[in-house]
Protein backbone atom coordinates (compact mmCIF):
# COMPACT_ATOMS: atom_id res chain seq x y z
CA MET A 1 -14.54 -2.62 9.75
CA VAL A 2 -14.56 -6.32 8.89
CA SER A 3 -11.88 -5.80 6.25
CA ILE A 4 -9.58 -4.22 8.83
CA ALA A 5 -10.06 -7.18 11.16
CA LEU A 6 -9.36 -9.62 8.32
CA ASP A 7 -6.22 -7.69 7.38
CA ALA A 8 -5.00 -7.78 10.97
CA ALA A 9 -5.69 -11.52 11.12
CA LEU A 10 -3.76 -12.01 7.88
CA ALA A 11 -0.79 -10.14 9.32
CA LEU A 12 -0.95 -12.15 12.54
CA ILE A 13 -1.05 -15.45 10.66
CA GLY A 14 1.90 -14.39 8.50
CA LEU A 15 3.90 -13.36 11.53
CA GLY A 16 3.10 -16.64 13.22
CA VAL A 17 4.21 -18.66 10.20
CA PHE A 18 7.41 -16.63 9.99
CA VAL A 19 8.23 -17.17 13.68
CA TYR A 20 7.47 -20.89 13.38
CA GLY A 21 9.73 -21.11 10.33
CA ASP A 22 12.48 -19.29 12.19
CA LEU A 23 12.25 -21.51 15.26
CA ALA A 24 11.97 -24.72 13.25
CA THR A 25 14.70 -23.53 10.85
CA ASN A 26 12.31 -24.13 7.98
CA ARG A 27 13.26 -21.79 5.16
CA THR A 28 10.04 -22.32 3.20
CA ALA A 29 7.88 -21.36 6.19
CA ARG A 30 9.91 -18.19 6.69
CA ILE A 31 9.47 -17.23 3.04
CA VAL A 32 5.73 -17.90 3.19
CA GLY A 33 5.48 -15.87 6.42
CA VAL A 34 7.28 -12.88 4.93
CA THR A 35 5.12 -13.08 1.81
CA VAL A 36 1.88 -13.14 3.83
CA VAL A 37 2.98 -10.22 6.02
CA THR A 38 3.96 -8.24 2.91
CA LEU A 39 0.56 -8.98 1.40
CA ALA A 40 -1.12 -7.77 4.59
CA VAL A 41 0.83 -4.50 4.44
CA VAL A 42 -0.18 -3.96 0.81
CA VAL A 43 -3.83 -4.65 1.64
CA ALA A 44 -3.65 -2.23 4.57
CA ALA A 45 -2.25 0.47 2.29
CA ILE A 46 -5.05 -0.10 -0.21
CA LEU A 47 -7.66 0.04 2.56
CA ALA A 48 -6.20 3.27 3.90
CA SER A 49 -6.16 4.78 0.43
CA ASN A 50 -9.78 3.85 -0.20
CA ARG A 51 -10.85 5.16 3.20
CA ASP A 52 -9.26 8.54 2.47
CA GLN A 53 -11.06 8.77 -0.87
CA GLU A 54 -14.49 7.99 0.65
CA THR A 55 -14.39 10.85 3.16
């Protein structure tokens, strides 16, 4: 349960960085935001895969 909350927080932080980068027209912040959100999606897929194998 904690890992799901951490993954959601990671996605929220990435989205926030992306939006900040978009509003501030900071290309580096947008790239970092997209990378963090992508990482959160990959972690969520791994968590879902592991959950299915445990049941």
